[in-house]
Amino acid sequence: MYKKLIWLVVNKKIEVPKTYRKEIRKGIYYIKKYSLKSHLRRIESTKSVQEYLRSLSGKIAYILMINKNNQEFQKYKLEIDKIRK
């Protein structure tokens, strides 16, 4: 049995829902494969490049706040920080 709080799943440990993490993985994948601008056109985003990167960075930071030891999202954070510079 599990309980879902606001964007948290409490099972044996507190975790961000799989769908939330999957959405971020998908965004990172398409940025790597097609480039950031192409990805934004593909998803028909109205956000600027910097706004989208800030949003993605914030979502990754949220996941790392819940689970600091998540190596996958630590790697994503470094990749996004590199793109933002």
Protein backbone atom coordinates (compact mmCIF):
# COMPACT_ATOMS: atom_id res chain seq x y z
CA MET A 1 0.00 0.00 0.00
CA TYR A 2 1.22 3.51 -0.73
CA LYS A 3 -0.01 7.03 -0.17
CA LYS A 4 0.40 9.84 -2.64
CA LEU A 5 0.93 13.31 -1.25
CA ILE A 6 1.46 16.42 -3.33
CA TRP A 7 3.97 15.07 -5.88
CA LEU A 8 5.35 12.57 -3.35
CA VAL A 9 4.79 8.86 -3.01
CA VAL A 10 5.20 7.41 0.46
CA ASN A 11 5.81 3.70 0.24
CA LYS A 12 8.81 2.17 1.98
CA LYS A 13 10.59 5.45 1.31
CA ILE A 14 9.55 8.91 0.15
CA GLU A 15 9.86 9.25 -3.62
CA VAL A 16 8.77 11.57 -6.40
CA PRO A 17 6.17 9.83 -8.64
CA LYS A 18 7.53 7.81 -11.54
CA THR A 19 5.54 9.83 -14.09
CA TYR A 20 7.19 13.08 -12.92
CA ARG A 21 10.69 11.56 -13.20
CA LYS A 22 9.85 10.01 -16.57
CA GLU A 23 8.77 13.40 -17.98
CA ILE A 24 12.13 14.91 -17.00
CA ARG A 25 14.06 11.98 -18.50
CA LYS A 26 12.12 12.42 -21.72
CA GLY A 27 12.98 16.12 -21.89
CA ILE A 28 16.69 15.44 -21.29
CA TYR A 29 16.68 12.69 -23.91
CA TYR A 30 15.16 14.91 -26.61
CA ILE A 31 17.48 17.81 -25.78
CA LYS A 32 20.45 15.48 -26.25
CA LYS A 33 19.09 13.87 -29.40
CA TYR A 34 17.62 16.85 -31.28
CA SER A 35 19.02 19.97 -29.53
CA LEU A 36 17.25 22.27 -27.13
CA LYS A 37 15.69 24.62 -29.68
CA SER A 38 14.43 21.75 -31.79
CA HIS A 39 12.92 20.12 -28.70
CA LEU A 40 11.12 23.33 -27.74
CA ARG A 41 9.66 23.63 -31.26
CA ARG A 42 8.61 19.97 -31.16
CA ILE A 43 6.70 20.35 -27.89
CA GLU A 44 5.35 23.74 -29.04
CA SER A 45 6.62 25.45 -25.90
CA THR A 46 5.92 29.13 -25.41
CA LYS A 47 8.81 29.39 -22.95
CA SER A 48 12.14 30.90 -23.93
CA VAL A 49 15.22 28.67 -23.85
CA GLN A 50 16.32 30.13 -20.51
CA GLU A 51 12.84 29.78 -18.97
CA TYR A 52 12.63 26.14 -20.05
CA LEU A 53 16.10 25.38 -18.65
CA ARG A 54 15.24 27.09 -15.34
CA SER A 55 12.05 25.08 -15.13
CA LEU A 56 13.83 21.81 -15.88
CA SER A 57 16.59 22.68 -13.43
CA GLY A 58 14.00 23.40 -10.72
CA LYS A 59 12.27 20.06 -11.28
CA ILE A 60 15.60 18.25 -11.03
CA ALA A 61 16.44 20.19 -7.85
CA TYR A 62 13.08 19.14 -6.37
CA ILE A 63 13.85 15.47 -7.03
CA LEU A 64 17.31 15.86 -5.51
CA MET A 65 15.81 17.59 -2.47
CA ILE A 66 13.69 14.48 -1.85
CA ASN A 67 16.43 11.98 -2.73
CA LYS A 68 19.91 13.53 -2.53
CA ASN A 69 21.61 10.26 -3.53
CA ASN A 70 19.88 9.90 -6.89
CA GLN A 71 22.91 9.65 -9.17
CA GLU A 72 20.86 9.76 -12.38
CA PHE A 73 19.37 13.15 -11.56
CA GLN A 74 22.68 14.46 -10.19
CA LYS A 75 24.08 13.74 -13.66
CA TYR A 76 21.11 15.52 -15.29
CA LYS A 77 21.69 18.55 -13.05
CA LEU A 78 25.30 18.79 -14.23
CA GLU A 79 24.22 18.47 -17.87
CA ILE A 80 21.59 21.21 -17.55
CA ASP A 81 24.03 23.48 -15.69
CA LYS A 82 26.50 23.00 -18.55
CA ILE A 83 23.86 23.95 -21.14
CA ARG A 84 22.77 27.02 -19.12
CA LYS A 85 26.29 28.52 -19.20
